[in-house]
Amino acid sequence: MQTNLRLLSVMSVMLVAPAVALDASAQGQGQGARPAIRFNQMDTNRDGVIQRREWKGSNASFIVHDWDGDGVLSREEVRTGARRPARQEEPNQFNDFEREYAFADWTESGFVKLDHNDDGRIGRDEWHFVRDGFMRADHDNDGYLSRVEFLGGTDDEDDDRDDTFWNLDYNNDGRVTREEWHGSRARFEALDGDRNGVLSRAEMGASAEAPPDLFTSIDVNRDGNITMNEWHWTHEAFDARDPNHDGRITRDELARTGGGATPAQSQVHKAGYDRGMADGRKAGAQDRTNRWGWDLEGRPEMANADAGYNTRMNARVEYQTGYRDGFRRGYREAYEGR
């Protein structure tokens, strides 16, 4: 009887053991096959999705990564190496002062649009967008974006190029720590030039200036005129700087309509600029104080750009152009604490 019991016990172990081993093997395969996700350290419940409550950072930064606007980061949004699809939306108004706005078309088409001289790379003088995006995408730090760098480089060097320094600097202390950084460790260390464990504005390109000669940087074929195929802003902004409507903006026209070092001299533009500057400073200070993150282009004031306008002024488009110019400058100055 005892012998039979021992035999049954051994047979039970033999039957169960392979099942247990198979289950462990399946789990191991599942874990090994499952790709690492971006922001993995924030995924506290390990479901492969980053909820807003799990997000460590500003609301503006979360919105940058929530490509479909559904309130969670999932699927392609958290896949390592994925890039945001090009947004099918009207480009921003031209900014006479900062001349920078977010760039999100990191696609083959986006590369071709910027590579006007067909030399297979994008130089700093061709870049009219947020400076720190360029700096982070320039992995070899040679001042140019190759096609490989533009399209994303390697998966293990996540540079988080779509986010800005101001979004990442959640506590507004003028630097980005490892805890605030959303990219890979390798890219953080590559940007950390002085090896002090934090990223300064300069190291991330947030303090870099736009091209000093705006006209030349836009006139990429150097023919003395800016045409629509060289223009990266709205048709409305182009028309406002092409007063004779011949489809070309000369250096003189750009300077007279606000593309120089000072605002356009028309009274309507100046009225819009002054009001926009005041509203921008208020908005920038509010976002900084409340730690809501950098949210310049997403504000309703920028969409309408007509606060303070009345029909007696005429030239509504010119007022809006001035308002947006002033709002951008005021917002940046207040947010950066200047």
Foldseek 3Di string as FASTA:
>chain_A
DVVVVVVVVVVVCVVVVVVVVVVVVVVVVVVVPDAQWFPNVLPVVPPQKHAPVSDDFFPVLVVLLPLVPPRIQHDLSTGQQRARDADPDAFAAAAQAQQAAFDRHLDPVVVVLQPVVPPQKHALLSDRYQFLLVLLLPQVPPRIHGNCSSNGPDRQWFSSSRDDPQRLPLLLPQKHAPVSDRTHPVSVVSLPPVPPRIHGCVSSRNPPGRPQDNVPSLPVVPPQWHAPSSDDHGPLNVCLLVVVPPRTHGPVSCVCCRNHNDGHPDPLLQVLLVVLLVVLLVVLLVCQVVSNTDDQCPDVCLVLSQVPHDPVVPPSSSSSSSNSNNNVVNNVCNNNVD
